[in-house]
C-alpha atoms as a PDB file:
ATOM      1  CA  MET A   1      49.061 -65.326   4.519  1.00  0.00           C
ATOM      2  CA  HIS A   2      46.243 -67.560   3.238  1.00  0.00           C
ATOM      3  CA  SER A   3      46.378 -68.850  -0.288  1.00  0.00           C
ATOM      4  CA  SER A   4      43.355 -68.312  -2.530  1.00  0.00           C
ATOM      5  CA  PRO A   5      40.620 -70.941  -2.456  1.00  0.00           C
ATOM      6  CA  PRO A   6      40.416 -73.340  -5.472  1.00  0.00           C
ATOM      7  CA  PHE A   7      38.355 -71.114  -7.787  1.00  0.00           C
ATOM      8  CA  ASN A   8      36.132 -72.658 -10.466  1.00  0.00           C
ATOM      9  CA  ALA A   9      36.591 -70.179 -13.321  1.00  0.00           C
ATOM     10  CA  PRO A  10      34.215 -71.850 -15.830  1.00  0.00           C
ATOM     11  CA  ALA A  11      31.464 -71.925 -13.223  1.00  0.00           C
ATOM     12  CA  ALA A  12      31.873 -68.193 -12.549  1.00  0.00           C
ATOM     13  CA  ARG A  13      31.663 -67.379 -16.229  1.00  0.00           C
ATOM     14  CA  ARG A  14      28.670 -69.637 -16.732  1.00  0.00           C
ATOM     15  CA  LEU A  15      26.749 -68.168 -13.760  1.00  0.00           C
ATOM     16  CA  ARG A  16      27.436 -64.579 -14.861  1.00  0.00           C
ATOM     17  CA  ALA A  17      26.284 -65.308 -18.420  1.00  0.00           C
ATOM     18  CA  ALA A  18      23.140 -66.997 -17.124  1.00  0.00           C
ATOM     19  CA  LEU A  19      22.228 -63.729 -15.329  1.00  0.00           C
ATOM     20  CA  GLY A  20      22.842 -61.704 -18.488  1.00  0.00           C
ATOM     21  CA  MET A  21      25.589 -59.739 -16.794  1.00  0.00           C
ATOM     22  CA  ALA A  22      28.841 -58.373 -18.269  1.00  0.00           C
ATOM     23  CA  PRO A  23      32.086 -58.348 -16.260  1.00  0.00           C
ATOM     24  CA  GLY A  24      31.516 -54.628 -15.691  1.00  0.00           C
ATOM     25  CA  HIS A  25      28.154 -55.350 -14.027  1.00  0.00           C
ATOM     26  CA  VAL A  26      29.893 -57.836 -11.694  1.00  0.00           C
ATOM     27  CA  ALA A  27      32.591 -55.298 -10.836  1.00  0.00           C
ATOM     28  CA  TYR A  28      29.916 -52.658 -10.096  1.00  0.00           C
ATOM     29  CA  GLY A  29      28.046 -55.099  -7.851  1.00  0.00           C
ATOM     30  CA  LEU A  30      31.201 -55.918  -5.910  1.00  0.00           C
ATOM     31  CA  ARG A  31      31.828 -52.255  -5.338  1.00  0.00           C
ATOM     32  CA  ALA A  32      28.258 -51.102  -4.639  1.00  0.00           C
ATOM     33  CA  GLN A  33      27.173 -54.052  -2.468  1.00  0.00           C
ATOM     34  CA  TYR A  34      30.393 -55.036  -0.753  1.00  0.00           C
ATOM     35  CA  GLY A  35      32.743 -52.041  -1.050  1.00  0.00           C
ATOM     36  CA  LEU A  36      35.344 -54.034  -3.003  1.00  0.00           C
ATOM     37  CA  LEU A  37      37.238 -52.167  -5.708  1.00  0.00           C
ATOM     38  CA  VAL A  38      37.571 -54.844  -8.336  1.00  0.00           C
ATOM     39  CA  ALA A  39      38.042 -53.836 -11.995  1.00  0.00           C
ATOM     40  CA  PRO A  40      36.131 -55.511 -14.827  1.00  0.00           C
ATOM     41  CA  GLU A  41      39.474 -56.690 -16.125  1.00  0.00           C
ATOM     42  CA  THR A  42      40.060 -58.513 -12.881  1.00  0.00           C
ATOM     43  CA  VAL A  43      36.680 -60.246 -13.170  1.00  0.00           C
ATOM     44  CA  GLU A  44      37.676 -61.337 -16.686  1.00  0.00           C
ATOM     45  CA  ALA A  45      41.019 -62.620 -15.378  1.00  0.00           C
ATOM     46  CA  TRP A  46      39.190 -64.658 -12.759  1.00  0.00           C
ATOM     47  CA  GLU A  47      36.986 -66.225 -15.424  1.00  0.00           C
ATOM     48  CA  ARG A  48      39.996 -67.073 -17.575  1.00  0.00           C
ATOM     49  CA  GLY A  49      41.691 -68.776 -14.624  1.00  0.00           C
ATOM     50  CA  GLU A  50      44.608 -66.306 -14.708  1.00  0.00           C
ATOM     51  CA  MET A  51      43.810 -65.006 -11.201  1.00  0.00           C
ATOM     52  CA  SER A  52      41.781 -66.219  -8.241  1.00  0.00           C
ATOM     53  CA  PRO A  53      39.618 -64.104  -5.937  1.00  0.00           C
ATOM     54  CA  THR A  54      40.534 -63.884  -2.269  1.00  0.00           C
ATOM     55  CA  SER A  55      38.219 -65.413   0.308  1.00  0.00           C
ATOM     56  CA  ALA A  56      36.433 -62.064   0.820  1.00  0.00           C
ATOM     57  CA  GLU A  57      36.164 -61.506  -2.931  1.00  0.00           C
ATOM     58  CA  LEU A  58      34.818 -64.997  -3.518  1.00  0.00           C
ATOM     59  CA  THR A  59      32.107 -64.612  -0.853  1.00  0.00           C
ATOM     60  CA  ALA A  60      31.117 -61.255  -2.372  1.00  0.00           C
ATOM     61  CA  LEU A  61      31.171 -62.625  -5.897  1.00  0.00           C
ATOM     62  CA  ALA A  62      28.791 -65.388  -4.842  1.00  0.00           C
ATOM     63  CA  GLY A  63      26.434 -62.722  -3.544  1.00  0.00           C
ATOM     64  CA  VAL A  64      26.568 -60.761  -6.784  1.00  0.00           C
ATOM     65  CA  LEU A  65      25.996 -63.918  -8.858  1.00  0.00           C
ATOM     66  CA  TRP A  66      23.185 -65.142  -6.600  1.00  0.00           C
ATOM     67  CA  CYS A  67      24.860 -68.477  -5.802  1.00  0.00           C
ATOM     68  CA  SER A  68      26.543 -70.156  -2.884  1.00  0.00           C
ATOM     69  CA  PRO A  69      30.334 -69.842  -2.452  1.00  0.00           C
ATOM     70  CA  GLY A  70      30.582 -73.592  -2.967  1.00  0.00           C
ATOM     71  CA  GLU A  71      29.316 -73.213  -6.511  1.00  0.00           C
ATOM     72  CA  LEU A  72      32.378 -71.105  -7.318  1.00  0.00           C
ATOM     73  CA  LEU A  73      34.897 -73.526  -5.911  1.00  0.00           C
ATOM     74  CA  ALA A  74      36.562 -76.484  -7.464  1.00  0.00           C
ATOM     75  CA  GLU A  75      36.528 -79.691  -5.398  1.00  0.00           C
ATOM     76  CA  PRO A  76      37.561 -78.608  -1.886  1.00  0.00           C
ATOM     77  CA  VAL A  77      40.318 -80.524  -0.125  1.00  0.00           C
ATOM     78  CA  THR A  78      41.507 -78.571   2.913  1.00  0.00           C
ATOM     79  CA  LEU A  79      39.494 -77.588   5.990  1.00  0.00           C
ATOM     80  CA  ARG A  80      39.499 -74.001   4.860  1.00  0.00           C
ATOM     81  CA  GLU A  81      38.254 -74.885   1.402  1.00  0.00           C
ATOM     82  CA  HIS A  82      35.422 -76.995   2.829  1.00  0.00           C
ATOM     83  CA  ARG A  83      34.472 -74.178   5.205  1.00  0.00           C
ATOM     84  CA  LEU A  84      34.431 -71.643   2.356  1.00  0.00           C
ATOM     85  CA  ALA A  85      32.360 -73.970   0.260  1.00  0.00           C
ATOM     86  CA  ARG A  86      29.734 -73.898   2.979  1.00  0.00           C
ATOM     87  CA  GLY A  87      29.892 -70.133   3.192  1.00  0.00           C
ATOM     88  CA  MET A  88      30.887 -70.211   6.857  1.00  0.00           C
ATOM     89  CA  THR A  89      33.275 -68.037   8.847  1.00  0.00           C
ATOM     90  CA  ALA A  90      35.876 -69.592  11.071  1.00  0.00           C
ATOM     91  CA  GLU A  91      34.048 -68.145  14.079  1.00  0.00           C
ATOM     92  CA  GLU A  92      30.779 -69.706  13.098  1.00  0.00           C
ATOM     93  CA  LEU A  93      32.254 -73.121  12.394  1.00  0.00           C
ATOM     94  CA  SER A  94      34.321 -73.210  15.561  1.00  0.00           C
ATOM     95  CA  ARG A  95      31.238 -72.293  17.597  1.00  0.00           C
ATOM     96  CA  ARG A  96      29.147 -75.027  16.030  1.00  0.00           C
ATOM     97  CA  ILE A  97      31.729 -77.720  16.713  1.00  0.00           C
ATOM     98  CA  GLY A  98      32.482 -76.582  20.243  1.00  0.00           C
ATOM     99  CA  LEU A  99      36.004 -75.245  19.733  1.00  0.00           C
ATOM    100  CA  ASP A 100      37.719 -72.025  20.698  1.00  0.00           C
ATOM    101  CA  GLU A 101      38.060 -69.959  17.510  1.00  0.00           C
ATOM    102  CA  ASN A 102      41.824 -69.459  17.913  1.00  0.00           C
ATOM    103  CA  SER A 103      42.354 -73.191  18.405  1.00  0.00           C
ATOM    104  CA  TYR A 104      40.297 -73.964  15.342  1.00  0.00           C
ATOM    105  CA  GLN A 105      42.092 -71.344  13.259  1.00  0.00           C
ATOM    106  CA  LYS A 106      45.445 -72.758  14.169  1.00  0.00           C
ATOM    107  CA  MET A 107      44.388 -76.252  13.060  1.00  0.00           C
ATOM    108  CA  GLU A 108      42.994 -74.831   9.818  1.00  0.00           C
ATOM    109  CA  ASP A 109      46.181 -72.913   9.170  1.00  0.00           C
ATOM    110  CA  THR A 110      48.466 -75.889   9.819  1.00  0.00           C
ATOM    111  CA  GLY A 111      46.233 -78.459   8.142  1.00  0.00           C
ATOM    112  CA  ARG A 112      46.487 -80.713  11.212  1.00  0.00           C
ATOM    113  CA  TRP A 113      43.295 -81.578  13.035  1.00  0.00           C
ATOM    114  CA  LYS A 114      43.841 -82.277  16.748  1.00  0.00           C
ATOM    115  CA  ALA A 115      40.369 -82.051  18.258  1.00  0.00           C
ATOM    116  CA  ASN A 116      38.587 -84.811  20.191  1.00  0.00           C
ATOM    117  CA  GLU A 117      36.221 -87.434  18.799  1.00  0.00           C
ATOM    118  CA  ARG A 118      33.063 -85.478  19.551  1.00  0.00           C
ATOM    119  CA  GLN A 119      34.413 -82.367  17.869  1.00  0.00           C
ATOM    120  CA  SER A 120      35.596 -84.419  14.900  1.00  0.00           C
ATOM    121  CA  ALA A 121      32.091 -85.861  14.487  1.00  0.00           C
ATOM    122  CA  ALA A 122      30.618 -82.371  14.738  1.00  0.00           C
ATOM    123  CA  LEU A 123      33.026 -81.076  12.101  1.00  0.00           C
ATOM    124  CA  THR A 124      32.209 -83.926   9.706  1.00  0.00           C
ATOM    125  CA  SER A 125      28.473 -83.310  10.189  1.00  0.00           C
ATOM    126  CA  THR A 126      28.571 -79.524   9.994  1.00  0.00           C
ATOM    127  CA  LEU A 127      30.651 -79.422   6.787  1.00  0.00           C
ATOM    128  CA  GLY A 128      28.905 -82.440   5.273  1.00  0.00           C
ATOM    129  CA  LEU A 129      32.200 -84.322   4.829  1.00  0.00           C
ATOM    130  CA  THR A 130      32.529 -87.933   3.824  1.00  0.00           C
ATOM    131  CA  LEU A 131      35.001 -89.787   6.037  1.00  0.00           C
ATOM    132  CA  ALA A 132      37.526 -89.801   3.177  1.00  0.00           C
ATOM    133  CA  GLN A 133      37.205 -86.034   2.886  1.00  0.00           C
ATOM    134  CA  PHE A 134      37.607 -85.661   6.635  1.00  0.00           C
ATOM    135  CA  VAL A 135      40.807 -87.680   6.589  1.00  0.00           C
ATOM    136  CA  ALA A 136      42.238 -85.655   3.709  1.00  0.00           C
ATOM    137  CA  ALA A 137      41.199 -82.301   5.193  1.00  0.00           C
ATOM    138  CA  SER A 138      42.586 -83.185   8.658  1.00  0.00           C
ATOM    139  CA  GLY A 139      45.976 -84.129   7.226  1.00  0.00           C
ATOM    140  CA  LYS A 140      45.743 -87.735   8.479  1.00  0.00           C
ATOM    141  CA  LYS A 141      45.716 -89.812   5.313  1.00  0.00           C
ATOM    142  CA  GLU A 142      49.246 -91.145   5.766  1.00  0.00           C
ATOM    143  CA  GLU A 143      48.642 -91.812   9.443  1.00  0.00           C
ATOM    144  CA  LEU A 144      45.537 -93.794   8.488  1.00  0.00           C
ATOM    145  CA  ALA A 145      47.562 -95.801   5.907  1.00  0.00           C
ATOM    146  CA  GLU A 146      50.245 -96.643   8.437  1.00  0.00           C
ATOM    147  CA  LEU A 147      47.708 -97.863  10.978  1.00  0.00           C
ATOM    148  CA  LEU A 148      45.924 -99.992   8.376  1.00  0.00           C
ATOM    149  CA  ARG A 149      49.180-101.520   7.132  1.00  0.00           C
ATOM    150  CA  SER A 150      50.167-102.412  10.672  1.00  0.00           C
ATOM    151  CA  ALA A 151      46.706-103.833  11.407  1.00  0.00           C
ATOM    152  CA  VAL A 152      46.655-106.271   8.500  1.00  0.00           C
ATOM    153  CA  THR A 153      50.256-107.421   8.905  1.00  0.00           C
ATOM    154  CA  THR A 154      50.255-107.944  12.680  1.00  0.00           C
ATOM    155  CA  ARG A 155      47.340-108.225  15.125  1.00  0.00           C
ATOM    156  CA  TRP A 156      44.331-106.291  13.879  1.00  0.00           C
ATOM    157  CA  GLN A 157      42.718-106.430  17.364  1.00  0.00           C
ATOM    158  CA  ALA A 158      45.187-103.818  18.614  1.00  0.00           C
ATOM    159  CA  TYR A 159      44.061-101.160  16.081  1.00  0.00           C
ATOM    160  CA  PRO A 160      40.315-100.399  16.400  1.00  0.00           C
ATOM    161  CA  LYS A 161      40.972 -98.047  19.350  1.00  0.00           C
ATOM    162  CA  PRO A 162      43.703 -95.877  17.696  1.00  0.00           C
ATOM    163  CA  LEU A 163      41.630 -95.820  14.480  1.00  0.00           C
ATOM    164  CA  SER A 164      38.543 -94.654  16.352  1.00  0.00           C
ATOM    165  CA  LYS A 165      40.597 -91.709  17.662  1.00  0.00           C
ATOM    166  CA  LEU A 166      41.501 -90.867  14.087  1.00  0.00           C
ATOM    167  CA  LEU A 167      38.048 -91.342  12.564  1.00  0.00           C
ATOM    168  CA  PRO A 168      34.551 -90.477  13.889  1.00  0.00           C
ATOM    169  CA  VAL A 169      33.465 -94.109  13.408  1.00  0.00           C
ATOM    170  CA  PRO A 170      32.138 -96.536  16.048  1.00  0.00           C
ATOM    171  CA  LYS A 171      34.887 -98.923  17.262  1.00  0.00           C
ATOM    172  CA  GLU A 172      32.590-101.926  16.629  1.00  0.00           C
ATOM    173  CA  HIS A 173      32.344-101.062  12.966  1.00  0.00           C
ATOM    174  CA  LEU A 174      36.115-100.653  12.739  1.00  0.00           C
ATOM    175  CA  GLU A 175      36.612-104.092  14.286  1.00  0.00           C
ATOM    176  CA  ARG A 176      34.559-105.711  11.607  1.00  0.00           C
ATOM    177  CA  VAL A 177      36.341-103.860   8.827  1.00  0.00           C
ATOM    178  CA  LEU A 178      39.819-104.604  10.166  1.00  0.00           C
ATOM    179  CA  GLU A 179      39.037-108.253  10.591  1.00  0.00           C
ATOM    180  CA  GLN A 180      37.928-108.451   6.982  1.00  0.00           C
ATOM    181  CA  LEU A 181      40.987-106.577   5.719  1.00  0.00           C
ATOM    182  CA  TYR A 182      43.317-108.747   7.771  1.00  0.00           C
ATOM    183  CA  GLY A 183      41.663-111.864   6.325  1.00  0.00           C
ATOM    184  CA  GLU A 184      42.005-110.531   2.800  1.00  0.00           C
ATOM    185  CA  TYR A 185      45.678-109.715   3.198  1.00  0.00           C
ATOM    186  CA  GLN A 186      46.560-113.017   4.892  1.00  0.00           C
ATOM    187  CA  SER A 187      44.584-114.996   2.295  1.00  0.00           C
ATOM    188  CA  ARG A 188      46.342-113.247  -0.524  1.00  0.00           C
ATOM    189  CA  MET A 189      49.728-114.080   1.005  1.00  0.00           C
ATOM    190  CA  VAL A 190      48.820-117.743   1.509  1.00  0.00           C
ATOM    191  CA  ALA A 191      47.229-118.099  -1.928  1.00  0.00           C
ATOM    192  CA  THR A 192      50.288-116.578  -3.631  1.00  0.00           C
ATOM    193  CA  LEU A 193      52.627-118.987  -1.829  1.00  0.00           C
ATOM    194  CA  SER A 194      50.506-121.987  -2.825  1.00  0.00           C
ATOM    195  CA  TRP A 195      50.317-121.139  -6.523  1.00  0.00           C
ATOM    196  CA  GLY A 196      53.788-122.526  -7.233  1.00  0.00           C
ATOM    197  CA  GLY A 197      55.406-121.915 -10.582  1.00  0.00           C
ATOM    198  CA  GLY A 198      58.461-120.128  -9.317  1.00  0.00           C
ATOM    199  CA  GLY A 199      56.850-117.228  -7.539  1.00  0.00           C
ATOM    200  CA  GLY A 200      57.682-118.390  -4.051  1.00  0.00           C
ATOM    201  CA  THR A 201      58.237-115.876  -1.275  1.00  0.00           C
ATOM    202  CA  ALA A 202      59.089-113.154  -3.739  1.00  0.00           C
ATOM    203  CA  GLY A 203      55.710-113.564  -5.388  1.00  0.00           C
ATOM    204  CA  ALA A 204      53.942-113.384  -2.040  1.00  0.00           C
ATOM    205  CA  GLY A 205      55.931-110.276  -1.190  1.00  0.00           C
ATOM    206  CA  ASP A 206      54.833-108.581  -4.429  1.00  0.00           C
ATOM    207  CA  ALA A 207      51.164-109.507  -3.784  1.00  0.00           C
ATOM    208  CA  GLY A 208      51.419-108.197  -0.236  1.00  0.00           C
ATOM    209  CA  ARG A 209      53.052-104.934  -1.270  1.00  0.00           C
ATOM    210  CA  GLU A 210      50.369-104.390  -3.894  1.00  0.00           C
ATOM    211  CA  TYR A 211      47.612-104.881  -1.369  1.00  0.00           C
ATOM    212  CA  LEU A 212      49.312-102.598   1.198  1.00  0.00           C
ATOM    213  CA  ALA A 213      49.865 -99.869  -1.414  1.00  0.00           C
ATOM    214  CA  GLU A 214      46.108 -99.700  -1.982  1.00  0.00           C
ATOM    215  CA  ILE A 215      45.080-100.296   1.622  1.00  0.00           C
ATOM    216  CA  VAL A 216      43.359 -96.904   2.158  1.00  0.00           C
ATOM    217  CA  ASP A 217      41.202 -97.274  -0.952  1.00  0.00           C
ATOM    218  CA  ARG A 218      40.351-100.830   0.083  1.00  0.00           C
ATOM    219  CA  PHE A 219      39.483 -99.579   3.598  1.00  0.00           C
ATOM    220  CA  TRP A 220      36.948 -97.065   2.189  1.00  0.00           C
ATOM    221  CA  ALA A 221      35.449 -99.742  -0.104  1.00  0.00           C
ATOM    222  CA  VAL A 222      34.772-101.998   2.866  1.00  0.00           C
ATOM    223  CA  ALA A 223      34.023 -99.422   5.560  1.00  0.00           C
ATOM    224  CA  GLY A 224      32.054 -96.970   3.395  1.00  0.00           C
ATOM    225  CA  GLY A 225      32.610 -93.275   3.852  1.00  0.00           C
ATOM    226  CA  SER A 226      34.187 -92.369   0.524  1.00  0.00           C
ATOM    227  CA  ARG A 227      30.912 -90.843  -0.636  1.00  0.00           C
END
């Protein structure tokens, strides 16, 4: 069973008020236009954040309030949330990215994206995702972190190819980014060792661990794609 999308209760209340509608008017619209039996009390509970509408109810509510589904959602994170924010069905999205609907639905349900590079690029474009949003939605943030940590601590030249399979980014761009990150990490290690004053290897280790802990954020800062 799907969980409810991340509903933005204040936005729903604000949009209803702007239209001069009472909760009862919204409930009537949901029933008359979409055949959904929703009580005014339920609309009020949505707006207080005590309950969340289902996907079907959210889409219908957007229609009643003359807004897009995305305007009724908090910041989307998962593939399903991003799809709902765009007001798209799974069938429509899978067709536009060149995937069988059942295959897409399985990936959406599990939160693990396993399509090819072309389909990943199409997904990112169709849903308007930043690269950071794509990584989070595809369930690959930790995999990205592991690859980046390995790249800066060993031979970065071995990692553009696996990273290009993870991200819809040209390999040449990844090569430049990894070379810079590798240089930053190694310079930090060398600089820490040369400071003296009792830090020694332990100090270098601390500096290295700090850099590695923030490696994903640093990657987005250098590569772009967080916005």
